[in-house]
Amino acid sequence: GSVQTGGSLRLSCAASGDTNNFSWGWFRQAPGKEREGVATLDSGGTIT
């Protein structure tokens, strides 16, 4: 959505199907820029 500077949002990613032992990530891409990693959660539970 759209918010003012200093605001908050919570994004959700609902999965269906078998994701057993998967690793996960959030990425973002602005116009004219490359896609970049924002946060990751690997299959062992480590977050970056």
ModelCIF file with pLDDT and N, C-alpha, C, O atoms, coordinates in Angstrom:
data_MODEL
#
_entry.id   MODEL 
#
_entity.id                         1 
_entity.type                       polymer 
_entity.pdbx_number_of_molecules   1 
#
_entity_poly.entity_id                      1 
_entity_poly.type                           'polypeptide(L)' 
_entity_poly.nstd_linkage                   no 
_entity_poly.nstd_monomer                   no 
_entity_poly.pdbx_seq_one_letter_code       GSVQTGGSLRLSCAASGDTNNFSWGWFRQAPGKEREGVATLDSGGTIT 
_entity_poly.pdbx_seq_one_letter_code_can   GSVQTGGSLRLSCAASGDTNNFSWGWFRQAPGKEREGVATLDSGGTIT 
_entity_poly.pdbx_strand_id                 A 
#
loop_
_entity_poly_seq.entity_id 
_entity_poly_seq.num 
_entity_poly_seq.mon_id 
_entity_poly_seq.hetero 
1 1  GLY n 
1 2  SER n 
1 3  VAL n 
1 4  GLN n 
1 5  THR n 
1 6  GLY n 
1 7  GLY n 
1 8  SER n 
1 9  LEU n 
1 10 ARG n 
1 11 LEU n 
1 12 SER n 
1 13 CYS n 
1 14 ALA n 
1 15 ALA n 
1 16 SER n 
1 17 GLY n 
1 18 ASP n 
1 19 THR n 
1 20 ASN n 
1 21 ASN n 
1 22 PHE n 
1 23 SER n 
1 24 TRP n 
1 25 GLY n 
1 26 TRP n 
1 27 PHE n 
1 28 ARG n 
1 29 GLN n 
1 30 ALA n 
1 31 PRO n 
1 32 GLY n 
1 33 LYS n 
1 34 GLU n 
1 35 ARG n 
1 36 GLU n 
1 37 GLY n 
1 38 VAL n 
1 39 ALA n 
1 40 THR n 
1 41 LEU n 
1 42 ASP n 
1 43 SER n 
1 44 GLY n 
1 45 GLY n 
1 46 THR n 
1 47 ILE n 
1 48 THR n 
#
_struct_asym.id          A 
_struct_asym.entity_id   1 
#
loop_
_ma_qa_metric.id 
_ma_qa_metric.mode 
_ma_qa_metric.name 
_ma_qa_metric.software_group_id 
_ma_qa_metric.type 
1 global pLDDT . pLDDT 
2 local  pLDDT . pLDDT 
#
_ma_qa_metric_global.metric_id      1 
_ma_qa_metric_global.metric_value   96.67 
_ma_qa_metric_global.model_id       1 
_ma_qa_metric_global.ordinal_id     1 
#
loop_
_ma_qa_metric_local.label_asym_id 
_ma_qa_metric_local.label_comp_id 
_ma_qa_metric_local.label_seq_id 
_ma_qa_metric_local.metric_id 
_ma_qa_metric_local.metric_value 
_ma_qa_metric_local.model_id 
_ma_qa_metric_local.ordinal_id 
A GLY 1  2 98.00 1 1  
A SER 2  2 98.00 1 2  
A VAL 3  2 98.00 1 3  
A GLN 4  2 98.00 1 4  
A THR 5  2 98.00 1 5  
A GLY 6  2 98.00 1 6  
A GLY 7  2 98.00 1 7  
A SER 8  2 98.00 1 8  
A LEU 9  2 98.00 1 9  
A ARG 10 2 98.00 1 10 
A LEU 11 2 98.00 1 11 
A SER 12 2 98.00 1 12 
A CYS 13 2 98.00 1 13 
A ALA 14 2 98.00 1 14 
A ALA 15 2 98.00 1 15 
A SER 16 2 97.00 1 16 
A GLY 17 2 96.00 1 17 
A ASP 18 2 95.00 1 18 
A THR 19 2 95.00 1 19 
A ASN 20 2 93.00 1 20 
A ASN 21 2 94.00 1 21 
A PHE 22 2 96.00 1 22 
A SER 23 2 97.00 1 23 
A TRP 24 2 97.00 1 24 
A GLY 25 2 97.00 1 25 
A TRP 26 2 98.00 1 26 
A PHE 27 2 98.00 1 27 
A ARG 28 2 98.00 1 28 
A GLN 29 2 98.00 1 29 
A ALA 30 2 97.00 1 30 
A PRO 31 2 93.00 1 31 
A GLY 32 2 94.00 1 32 
A LYS 33 2 95.00 1 33 
A GLU 34 2 95.00 1 34 
A ARG 35 2 96.00 1 35 
A GLU 36 2 96.00 1 36 
A GLY 37 2 97.00 1 37 
A VAL 38 2 98.00 1 38 
A ALA 39 2 98.00 1 39 
A THR 40 2 97.00 1 40 
A LEU 41 2 97.00 1 41 
A ASP 42 2 96.00 1 42 
A SER 43 2 94.00 1 43 
A GLY 44 2 93.00 1 44 
A GLY 45 2 95.00 1 45 
A THR 46 2 96.00 1 46 
A ILE 47 2 97.00 1 47 
A THR 48 2 97.00 1 48 
#
loop_
_atom_site.group_PDB 
_atom_site.id 
_atom_site.type_symbol 
_atom_site.label_atom_id 
_atom_site.label_alt_id 
_atom_site.label_comp_id 
_atom_site.label_asym_id 
_atom_site.label_entity_id 
_atom_site.label_seq_id 
_atom_site.pdbx_PDB_ins_code 
_atom_site.Cartn_x 
_atom_site.Cartn_y 
_atom_site.Cartn_z 
_atom_site.occupancy 
_atom_site.B_iso_or_equiv 
_atom_site.pdbx_formal_charge 
_atom_site.auth_seq_id 
_atom_site.auth_comp_id 
_atom_site.auth_asym_id 
_atom_site.auth_atom_id 
_atom_site.pdbx_PDB_model_num 
ATOM 1   N N  . GLY A 1 1  ? 0.819  -1.198  0.000   1.00 98.00 ? 1  GLY A N  1 
ATOM 2   C CA . GLY A 1 1  ? 0.000  0.000   0.000   1.00 98.00 ? 1  GLY A CA 1 
ATOM 3   C C  . GLY A 1 1  ? 0.849  1.241   0.000   1.00 98.00 ? 1  GLY A C  1 
ATOM 4   O O  . GLY A 1 1  ? 2.061  1.183   -0.203  1.00 98.00 ? 1  GLY A O  1 
ATOM 5   N N  . SER A 1 2  ? 0.199  2.374   0.231   1.00 98.00 ? 2  SER A N  1 
ATOM 6   C CA . SER A 1 2  ? 0.863  3.672   0.269   1.00 98.00 ? 2  SER A CA 1 
ATOM 7   C C  . SER A 1 2  ? 0.833  4.225   1.684   1.00 98.00 ? 2  SER A C  1 
ATOM 8   O O  . SER A 1 2  ? -0.218 4.264   2.324   1.00 98.00 ? 2  SER A O  1 
ATOM 9   N N  . VAL A 1 3  ? 1.992  4.652   2.166   1.00 98.00 ? 3  VAL A N  1 
ATOM 10  C CA . VAL A 1 3  ? 2.101  5.214   3.506   1.00 98.00 ? 3  VAL A CA 1 
ATOM 11  C C  . VAL A 1 3  ? 3.020  6.426   3.473   1.00 98.00 ? 3  VAL A C  1 
ATOM 12  O O  . VAL A 1 3  ? 3.770  6.633   2.519   1.00 98.00 ? 3  VAL A O  1 
ATOM 13  N N  . GLN A 1 4  ? 2.947  7.215   4.525   1.00 98.00 ? 4  GLN A N  1 
ATOM 14  C CA . GLN A 1 4  ? 3.842  8.345   4.697   1.00 98.00 ? 4  GLN A CA 1 
ATOM 15  C C  . GLN A 1 4  ? 5.143  7.883   5.348   1.00 98.00 ? 4  GLN A C  1 
ATOM 16  O O  . GLN A 1 4  ? 5.192  6.837   5.995   1.00 98.00 ? 4  GLN A O  1 
ATOM 17  N N  . THR A 1 5  ? 6.179  8.668   5.169   1.00 98.00 ? 5  THR A N  1 
ATOM 18  C CA . THR A 1 5  ? 7.448  8.392   5.828   1.00 98.00 ? 5  THR A CA 1 
ATOM 19  C C  . THR A 1 5  ? 7.229  8.169   7.327   1.00 98.00 ? 5  THR A C  1 
ATOM 20  O O  . THR A 1 5  ? 6.539  8.945   7.988   1.00 98.00 ? 5  THR A O  1 
ATOM 21  N N  . GLY A 1 6  ? 7.827  7.096   7.849   1.00 98.00 ? 6  GLY A N  1 
ATOM 22  C CA . GLY A 1 6  ? 7.666  6.752   9.252   1.00 98.00 ? 6  GLY A CA 1 
ATOM 23  C C  . GLY A 1 6  ? 6.557  5.772   9.531   1.00 98.00 ? 6  GLY A C  1 
ATOM 24  O O  . GLY A 1 6  ? 6.428  5.290   10.657  1.00 98.00 ? 6  GLY A O  1 
ATOM 25  N N  . GLY A 1 7  ? 5.752  5.465   8.531   1.00 98.00 ? 7  GLY A N  1 
ATOM 26  C CA . GLY A 1 7  ? 4.653  4.541   8.705   1.00 98.00 ? 7  GLY A CA 1 
ATOM 27  C C  . GLY A 1 7  ? 5.091  3.093   8.686   1.00 98.00 ? 7  GLY A C  1 
ATOM 28  O O  . GLY A 1 7  ? 6.273  2.785   8.533   1.00 98.00 ? 7  GLY A O  1 
ATOM 29  N N  . SER A 1 8  ? 4.106  2.199   8.846   1.00 98.00 ? 8  SER A N  1 
ATOM 30  C CA . SER A 1 8  ? 4.372  0.766   8.915   1.00 98.00 ? 8  SER A CA 1 
ATOM 31  C C  . SER A 1 8  ? 3.434  -0.002  8.001   1.00 98.00 ? 8  SER A C  1 
ATOM 32  O O  . SER A 1 8  ? 2.316  0.432   7.724   1.00 98.00 ? 8  SER A O  1 
ATOM 33  N N  . LEU A 1 9  ? 3.909  -1.151  7.537   1.00 98.00 ? 9  LEU A N  1 
ATOM 34  C CA . LEU A 1 9  ? 3.113  -2.093  6.770   1.00 98.00 ? 9  LEU A CA 1 
ATOM 35  C C  . LEU A 1 9  ? 3.562  -3.498  7.120   1.00 98.00 ? 9  LEU A C  1 
ATOM 36  O O  . LEU A 1 9  ? 4.715  -3.711  7.495   1.00 98.00 ? 9  LEU A O  1 
ATOM 37  N N  . ARG A 1 10 ? 2.655  -4.460  6.998   1.00 98.00 ? 10 ARG A N  1 
ATOM 38  C CA . ARG A 1 10 ? 3.010  -5.858  7.134   1.00 98.00 ? 10 ARG A CA 1 
ATOM 39  C C  . ARG A 1 10 ? 2.633  -6.594  5.868   1.00 98.00 ? 10 ARG A C  1 
ATOM 40  O O  . ARG A 1 10 ? 1.463  -6.641  5.490   1.00 98.00 ? 10 ARG A O  1 
ATOM 41  N N  . LEU A 1 11 ? 3.624  -7.168  5.216   1.00 98.00 ? 11 LEU A N  1 
ATOM 42  C CA . LEU A 1 11 ? 3.399  -7.954  4.022   1.00 98.00 ? 11 LEU A CA 1 
ATOM 43  C C  . LEU A 1 11 ? 3.223  -9.420  4.387   1.00 98.00 ? 11 LEU A C  1 
ATOM 44  O O  . LEU A 1 11 ? 3.862  -9.919  5.314   1.00 98.00 ? 11 LEU A O  1 
ATOM 45  N N  . SER A 1 12 ? 2.357  -10.103 3.657   1.00 98.00 ? 12 SER A N  1 
ATOM 46  C CA . SER A 1 12 ? 2.116  -11.524 3.865   1.00 98.00 ? 12 SER A CA 1 
ATOM 47  C C  . SER A 1 12 ? 2.392  -12.292 2.585   1.00 98.00 ? 12 SER A C  1 
ATOM 48  O O  . SER A 1 12 ? 2.163  -11.790 1.484   1.00 98.00 ? 12 SER A O  1 
ATOM 49  N N  . CYS A 1 13 ? 2.882  -13.501 2.737   1.00 98.00 ? 13 CYS A N  1 
ATOM 50  C CA . CYS A 1 13 ? 3.131  -14.398 1.614   1.00 98.00 ? 13 CYS A CA 1 
ATOM 51  C C  . CYS A 1 13 ? 2.565  -15.754 1.989   1.00 98.00 ? 13 CYS A C  1 
ATOM 52  O O  . CYS A 1 13 ? 3.191  -16.515 2.727   1.00 98.00 ? 13 CYS A O  1 
ATOM 53  N N  . ALA A 1 14 ? 1.386  -16.052 1.481   1.00 98.00 ? 14 ALA A N  1 
ATOM 54  C CA . ALA A 1 14 ? 0.708  -17.301 1.790   1.00 98.00 ? 14 ALA A CA 1 
ATOM 55  C C  . ALA A 1 14 ? 1.098  -18.365 0.775   1.00 98.00 ? 14 ALA A C  1 
ATOM 56  O O  . ALA A 1 14 ? 0.963  -18.162 -0.432  1.00 98.00 ? 14 ALA A O  1 
ATOM 57  N N  . ALA A 1 15 ? 1.580  -19.493 1.266   1.00 98.00 ? 15 ALA A N  1 
ATOM 58  C CA . ALA A 1 15 ? 2.047  -20.567 0.402   1.00 98.00 ? 15 ALA A CA 1 
ATOM 59  C C  . ALA A 1 15 ? 1.067  -21.726 0.399   1.00 98.00 ? 15 ALA A C  1 
ATOM 60  O O  . ALA A 1 15 ? 0.474  -22.059 1.426   1.00 98.00 ? 15 ALA A O  1 
ATOM 61  N N  . SER A 1 16 ? 0.905  -22.329 -0.755  1.00 97.00 ? 16 SER A N  1 
ATOM 62  C CA . SER A 1 16 ? 0.171  -23.576 -0.884  1.00 97.00 ? 16 SER A CA 1 
ATOM 63  C C  . SER A 1 16 ? 1.083  -24.609 -1.521  1.00 97.00 ? 16 SER A C  1 
ATOM 64  O O  . SER A 1 16 ? 2.008  -24.265 -2.256  1.00 97.00 ? 16 SER A O  1 
ATOM 65  N N  . GLY A 1 17 ? 0.820  -25.865 -1.239  1.00 96.00 ? 17 GLY A N  1 
ATOM 66  C CA . GLY A 1 17 ? 1.679  -26.917 -1.736  1.00 96.00 ? 17 GLY A CA 1 
ATOM 67  C C  . GLY A 1 17 ? 2.737  -27.291 -0.721  1.00 96.00 ? 17 GLY A C  1 
ATOM 68  O O  . GLY A 1 17 ? 2.784  -26.741 0.379   1.00 96.00 ? 17 GLY A O  1 
ATOM 69  N N  . ASP A 1 18 ? 3.574  -28.221 -1.095  1.00 95.00 ? 18 ASP A N  1 
ATOM 70  C CA . ASP A 1 18 ? 4.598  -28.760 -0.199  1.00 95.00 ? 18 ASP A CA 1 
ATOM 71  C C  . ASP A 1 18 ? 5.834  -27.871 -0.205  1.00 95.00 ? 18 ASP A C  1 
ATOM 72  O O  . ASP A 1 18 ? 6.547  -27.794 -1.205  1.00 95.00 ? 18 ASP A O  1 
ATOM 73  N N  . THR A 1 19 ? 6.082  -27.205 0.909   1.00 95.00 ? 19 THR A N  1 
ATOM 74  C CA . THR A 1 19 ? 7.265  -26.362 1.058   1.00 95.00 ? 19 THR A CA 1 
ATOM 75  C C  . THR A 1 19 ? 8.213  -26.911 2.127   1.00 95.00 ? 19 THR A C  1 
ATOM 76  O O  . THR A 1 19 ? 9.011  -26.165 2.695   1.00 95.00 ? 19 THR A O  1 
ATOM 77  N N  . ASN A 1 20 ? 8.127  -28.178 2.390   1.00 93.00 ? 20 ASN A N  1 
ATOM 78  C CA . ASN A 1 20 ? 8.987  -28.817 3.382   1.00 93.00 ? 20 ASN A CA 1 
ATOM 79  C C  . ASN A 1 20 ? 10.458 -28.601 3.040   1.00 93.00 ? 20 ASN A C  1 
ATOM 80  O O  . ASN A 1 20 ? 10.881 -28.836 1.909   1.00 93.00 ? 20 ASN A O  1 
ATOM 81  N N  . ASN A 1 21 ? 11.231 -28.152 4.021   1.00 94.00 ? 21 ASN A N  1 
ATOM 82  C CA . ASN A 1 21 ? 12.667 -27.916 3.896   1.00 94.00 ? 21 ASN A CA 1 
ATOM 83  C C  . ASN A 1 21 ? 13.029 -26.767 2.947   1.00 94.00 ? 21 ASN A C  1 
ATOM 84  O O  . ASN A 1 21 ? 14.161 -26.691 2.469   1.00 94.00 ? 21 ASN A O  1 
ATOM 85  N N  . PHE A 1 22 ? 12.077 -25.883 2.677   1.00 96.00 ? 22 PHE A N  1 
ATOM 86  C CA . PHE A 1 22 ? 12.344 -24.730 1.811   1.00 96.00 ? 22 PHE A CA 1 
ATOM 87  C C  . PHE A 1 22 ? 13.075 -23.624 2.557   1.00 96.00 ? 22 PHE A C  1 
ATOM 88  O O  . PHE A 1 22 ? 12.980 -23.499 3.778   1.00 96.00 ? 22 PHE A O  1 
ATOM 89  N N  . SER A 1 23 ? 13.804 -22.827 1.787   1.00 97.00 ? 23 SER A N  1 
ATOM 90  C CA . SER A 1 23 ? 14.316 -21.544 2.238   1.00 97.00 ? 23 SER A CA 1 
ATOM 91  C C  . SER A 1 23 ? 13.466 -20.442 1.637   1.00 97.00 ? 23 SER A C  1 
ATOM 92  O O  . SER A 1 23 ? 12.849 -20.625 0.587   1.00 97.00 ? 23 SER A O  1 
ATOM 93  N N  . TRP A 1 24 ? 13.433 -19.289 2.309   1.00 97.00 ? 24 TRP A N  1 
ATOM 94  C CA . TRP A 1 24 ? 12.516 -18.211 1.942   1.00 97.00 ? 24 TRP A CA 1 
ATOM 95  C C  . TRP A 1 24 ? 13.241 -16.881 1.852   1.00 97.00 ? 24 TRP A C  1 
ATOM 96  O O  . TRP A 1 24 ? 14.266 -16.670 2.501   1.00 97.00 ? 24 TRP A O  1 
ATOM 97  N N  . GLY A 1 25 ? 12.689 -15.979 1.032   1.00 97.00 ? 25 GLY A N  1 
ATOM 98  C CA . GLY A 1 25 ? 13.277 -14.660 0.939   1.00 97.00 ? 25 GLY A CA 1 
ATOM 99  C C  . GLY A 1 25 ? 12.266 -13.599 0.548   1.00 97.00 ? 25 GLY A C  1 
ATOM 100 O O  . GLY A 1 25 ? 11.259 -13.885 -0.101  1.00 97.00 ? 25 GLY A O  1 
ATOM 101 N N  . TRP A 1 26 ? 12.552 -12.369 0.954   1.00 98.00 ? 26 TRP A N  1 
ATOM 102 C CA . TRP A 1 26 ? 11.843 -11.190 0.481   1.00 98.00 ? 26 TRP A CA 1 
ATOM 103 C C  . TRP A 1 26 ? 12.802 -10.368 -0.364  1.00 98.00 ? 26 TRP A C  1 
ATOM 104 O O  . TRP A 1 26 ? 13.936 -10.110 0.039   1.00 98.00 ? 26 TRP A O  1 
ATOM 105 N N  . PHE A 1 27 ? 12.342 -9.963  -1.529  1.00 98.00 ? 27 PHE A N  1 
ATOM 106 C CA . PHE A 1 27 ? 13.124 -9.157  -2.453  1.00 98.00 ? 27 PHE A CA 1 
ATOM 107 C C  . PHE A 1 27 ? 12.323 -7.933  -2.853  1.00 98.00 ? 27 PHE A C  1 
ATOM 108 O O  . PHE A 1 27 ? 11.101 -7.913  -2.705  1.00 98.00 ? 27 PHE A O  1 
ATOM 109 N N  . ARG A 1 28 ? 13.000 -6.915  -3.357  1.00 98.00 ? 28 ARG A N  1 
ATOM 110 C CA . ARG A 1 28 ? 12.296 -5.740  -3.850  1.00 98.00 ? 28 ARG A CA 1 
ATOM 111 C C  . ARG A 1 28 ? 12.994 -5.202  -5.083  1.00 98.00 ? 28 ARG A C  1 
ATOM 112 O O  . ARG A 1 28 ? 14.193 -5.401  -5.279  1.00 98.00 ? 28 ARG A O  1 
ATOM 113 N N  . GLN A 1 29 ? 12.212 -4.513  -5.913  1.00 98.00 ? 29 GLN A N  1 
ATOM 114 C CA . GLN A 1 29 ? 12.751 -3.941  -7.133  1.00 98.00 ? 29 GLN A CA 1 
ATOM 115 C C  . GLN A 1 29 ? 12.069 -2.614  -7.412  1.00 98.00 ? 29 GLN A C  1 
ATOM 116 O O  . GLN A 1 29 ? 10.848 -2.545  -7.548  1.00 98.00 ? 29 GLN A O  1 
ATOM 117 N N  . ALA A 1 30 ? 12.872 -1.563  -7.496  1.00 97.00 ? 30 ALA A N  1 
ATOM 118 C CA . ALA A 1 30 ? 12.385 -0.241  -7.860  1.00 97.00 ? 30 ALA A CA 1 
ATOM 119 C C  . ALA A 1 30 ? 12.606 -0.027  -9.352  1.00 97.00 ? 30 ALA A C  1 
ATOM 120 O O  . ALA A 1 30 ? 13.470 -0.676  -9.940  1.00 97.00 ? 30 ALA A O  1 
ATOM 121 N N  . PRO A 1 31 ? 11.840 0.872   -9.981  1.00 93.00 ? 31 PRO A N  1 
ATOM 122 C CA . PRO A 1 31 ? 12.007 1.114   -11.412 1.00 93.00 ? 31 PRO A CA 1 
ATOM 123 C C  . PRO A 1 31 ? 13.446 1.479   -11.770 1.00 93.00 ? 31 PRO A C  1 
ATOM 124 O O  . PRO A 1 31 ? 14.058 2.336   -11.132 1.00 93.00 ? 31 PRO A O  1 
ATOM 125 N N  . GLY A 1 32 ? 13.976 0.820   -12.797 1.00 94.00 ? 32 GLY A N  1 
ATOM 126 C CA . GLY A 1 32 ? 15.319 1.102   -13.250 1.00 94.00 ? 32 GLY A CA 1 
ATOM 127 C C  . GLY A 1 32 ? 16.428 0.505   -12.419 1.00 94.00 ? 32 GLY A C  1 
ATOM 128 O O  . GLY A 1 32 ? 17.602 0.734   -12.711 1.00 94.00 ? 32 GLY A O  1 
ATOM 129 N N  . LYS A 1 33 ? 16.093 -0.253  -11.394 1.00 95.00 ? 33 LYS A N  1 
ATOM 130 C CA . LYS A 1 33 ? 17.096 -0.854  -10.535 1.00 95.00 ? 33 LYS A CA 1 
ATOM 131 C C  . LYS A 1 33 ? 16.984 -2.374  -10.548 1.00 95.00 ? 33 LYS A C  1 
ATOM 132 O O  . LYS A 1 33 ? 15.948 -2.932  -10.911 1.00 95.00 ? 33 LYS A O  1 
ATOM 133 N N  . GLU A 1 34 ? 18.059 -3.029  -10.149 1.00 95.00 ? 34 GLU A N  1 
ATOM 134 C CA . GLU A 1 34 ? 18.064 -4.478  -10.064 1.00 95.00 ? 34 GLU A CA 1 
ATOM 135 C C  . GLU A 1 34 ? 17.297 -4.943  -8.837  1.00 95.00 ? 34 GLU A C  1 
ATOM 136 O O  . GLU A 1 34 ? 17.168 -4.219  -7.849  1.00 95.00 ? 34 GLU A O  1 
ATOM 137 N N  . ARG A 1 35 ? 16.793 -6.162  -8.922  1.00 96.00 ? 35 ARG A N  1 
ATOM 138 C CA . ARG A 1 35 ? 16.131 -6.762  -7.785  1.00 96.00 ? 35 ARG A CA 1 
ATOM 139 C C  . ARG A 1 35 ? 17.164 -7.019  -6.685  1.00 96.00 ? 35 ARG A C  1 
ATOM 140 O O  . ARG A 1 35 ? 18.255 -7.522  -6.953  1.00 96.00 ? 35 ARG A O  1 
ATOM 141 N N  . GLU A 1 36 ? 16.809 -6.668  -5.450  1.00 96.00 ? 36 GLU A N  1 
ATOM 142 C CA . GLU A 1 36 ? 17.726 -6.832  -4.341  1.00 96.00 ? 36 GLU A CA 1 
ATOM 143 C C  . GLU A 1 36 ? 17.080 -7.605  -3.204  1.00 96.00 ? 36 GLU A C  1 
ATOM 144 O O  . GLU A 1 36 ? 15.874 -7.513  -2.977  1.00 96.00 ? 36 GLU A O  1 
ATOM 145 N N  . GLY A 1 37 ? 17.893 -8.360  -2.502  1.00 97.00 ? 37 GLY A N  1 
ATOM 146 C CA . GLY A 1 37 ? 17.415 -9.091  -1.349  1.00 97.00 ? 37 GLY A CA 1 
ATOM 147 C C  . GLY A 1 37 ? 17.162 -8.171  -0.173  1.00 97.00 ? 37 GLY A C  1 
ATOM 148 O O  . GLY A 1 37 ? 17.949 -7.264  0.094   1.00 97.00 ? 37 GLY A O  1 
ATOM 149 N N  . VAL A 1 38 ? 16.074 -8.400  0.526   1.00 98.00 ? 38 VAL A N  1 
ATOM 150 C CA . VAL A 1 38 ? 15.686 -7.612  1.690   1.00 98.00 ? 38 VAL A CA 1 
ATOM 151 C C  . VAL A 1 38 ? 15.877 -8.405  2.976   1.00 98.00 ? 38 VAL A C  1 
ATOM 152 O O  . VAL A 1 38 ? 16.476 -7.912  3.933   1.00 98.00 ? 38 VAL A O  1 
ATOM 153 N N  . ALA A 1 39 ? 15.373 -9.620  2.997   1.00 98.00 ? 39 ALA A N  1 
ATOM 154 C CA . ALA A 1 39 ? 15.465 -10.481 4.165   1.00 98.00 ? 39 ALA A CA 1 
ATOM 155 C C  . ALA A 1 39 ? 15.340 -11.925 3.731   1.00 98.00 ? 39 ALA A C  1 
ATOM 156 O O  . ALA A 1 39 ? 14.663 -12.227 2.748   1.00 98.00 ? 39 ALA A O  1 
ATOM 157 N N  . THR A 1 40 ? 15.989 -12.821 4.458   1.00 97.00 ? 40 THR A N  1 
ATOM 158 C CA . THR A 1 40 ? 15.909 -14.242 4.148   1.00 97.00 ? 40 THR A CA 1 
ATOM 159 C C  . THR A 1 40 ? 15.722 -15.057 5.417   1.00 97.00 ? 40 THR A C  1 
ATOM 160 O O  . THR A 1 40 ? 16.139 -14.657 6.504   1.00 97.00 ? 40 THR A O  1 
ATOM 161 N N  . LEU A 1 41 ? 15.091 -16.199 5.251   1.00 97.00 ? 41 LEU A N  1 
ATOM 162 C CA . LEU A 1 41 ? 14.912 -17.195 6.307   1.00 97.00 ? 41 LEU A CA 1 
ATOM 163 C C  . LEU A 1 41 ? 15.250 -18.530 5.676   1.00 97.00 ? 41 LEU A C  1 
ATOM 164 O O  . LEU A 1 41 ? 14.503 -19.013 4.826   1.00 97.00 ? 41 LEU A O  1 
ATOM 165 N N  . ASP A 1 42 ? 16.358 -19.138 6.072   1.00 96.00 ? 42 ASP A N  1 
ATOM 166 C CA . ASP A 1 42 ? 16.737 -20.377 5.429   1.00 96.00 ? 42 ASP A CA 1 
ATOM 167 C C  . ASP A 1 42 ? 16.102 -21.582 6.118   1.00 96.00 ? 42 ASP A C  1 
ATOM 168 O O  . ASP A 1 42 ? 15.436 -21.452 7.145   1.00 96.00 ? 42 ASP A O  1 
ATOM 169 N N  . SER A 1 43 ? 16.322 -22.743 5.533   1.00 94.00 ? 43 SER A N  1 
ATOM 170 C CA . SER A 1 43 ? 15.650 -23.947 6.018   1.00 94.00 ? 43 SER A CA 1 
ATOM 171 C C  . SER A 1 43 ? 16.086 -24.345 7.424   1.00 94.00 ? 43 SER A C  1 
ATOM 172 O O  . SER A 1 43 ? 15.390 -25.107 8.094   1.00 94.00 ? 43 SER A O  1 
ATOM 173 N N  . GLY A 1 44 ? 17.233 -23.835 7.876   1.00 93.00 ? 44 GLY A N  1 
ATOM 174 C CA . GLY A 1 44 ? 17.683 -24.082 9.231   1.00 93.00 ? 44 GLY A CA 1 
ATOM 175 C C  . GLY A 1 44 ? 17.202 -23.058 10.235  1.00 93.00 ? 44 GLY A C  1 
ATOM 176 O O  . GLY A 1 44 ? 17.494 -23.178 11.425  1.00 93.00 ? 44 GLY A O  1 
ATOM 177 N N  . GLY A 1 45 ? 16.466 -22.044 9.779   1.00 95.00 ? 45 GLY A N  1 
ATOM 178 C CA . GLY A 1 45 ? 15.924 -21.030 10.662  1.00 95.00 ? 45 GLY A CA 1 
ATOM 179 C C  . GLY A 1 45 ? 16.760 -19.774 10.800  1.00 95.00 ? 45 GLY A C  1 
ATOM 180 O O  . GLY A 1 45 ? 16.411 -18.888 11.580  1.00 95.00 ? 45 GLY A O  1 
ATOM 181 N N  . THR A 1 46 ? 17.857 -19.677 10.058  1.00 96.00 ? 46 THR A N  1 
ATOM 182 C CA . THR A 1 46 ? 18.713 -18.496 10.137  1.00 96.00 ? 46 THR A CA 1 
ATOM 183 C C  . THR A 1 46 ? 18.131 -17.352 9.322   1.00 96.00 ? 46 THR A C  1 
ATOM 184 O O  . THR A 1 46 ? 17.715 -17.547 8.180   1.00 96.00 ? 46 THR A O  1 
ATOM 185 N N  . ILE A 1 47 ? 18.100 -16.163 9.905   1.00 97.00 ? 47 ILE A N  1 
ATOM 186 C CA . ILE A 1 47 ? 17.546 -14.969 9.274   1.00 97.00 ? 47 ILE A CA 1 
ATOM 187 C C  . ILE A 1 47 ? 18.662 -13.982 8.951   1.00 97.00 ? 47 ILE A C  1 
ATOM 188 O O  . ILE A 1 47 ? 19.565 -13.773 9.761   1.00 97.00 ? 47 ILE A O  1 
ATOM 189 N N  . THR A 1 48 ? 18.598 -13.383 7.778   1.00 97.00 ? 48 THR A N  1 
ATOM 190 C CA . THR A 1 48 ? 19.501 -12.290 7.428   1.00 97.00 ? 48 THR A CA 1 
ATOM 191 C C  . THR A 1 48 ? 18.699 -11.119 6.898   1.00 97.00 ? 48 THR A C  1 
ATOM 192 O O  . THR A 1 48 ? 19.271 -10.088 6.544   1.00 97.00 ? 48 THR A O  1 
#
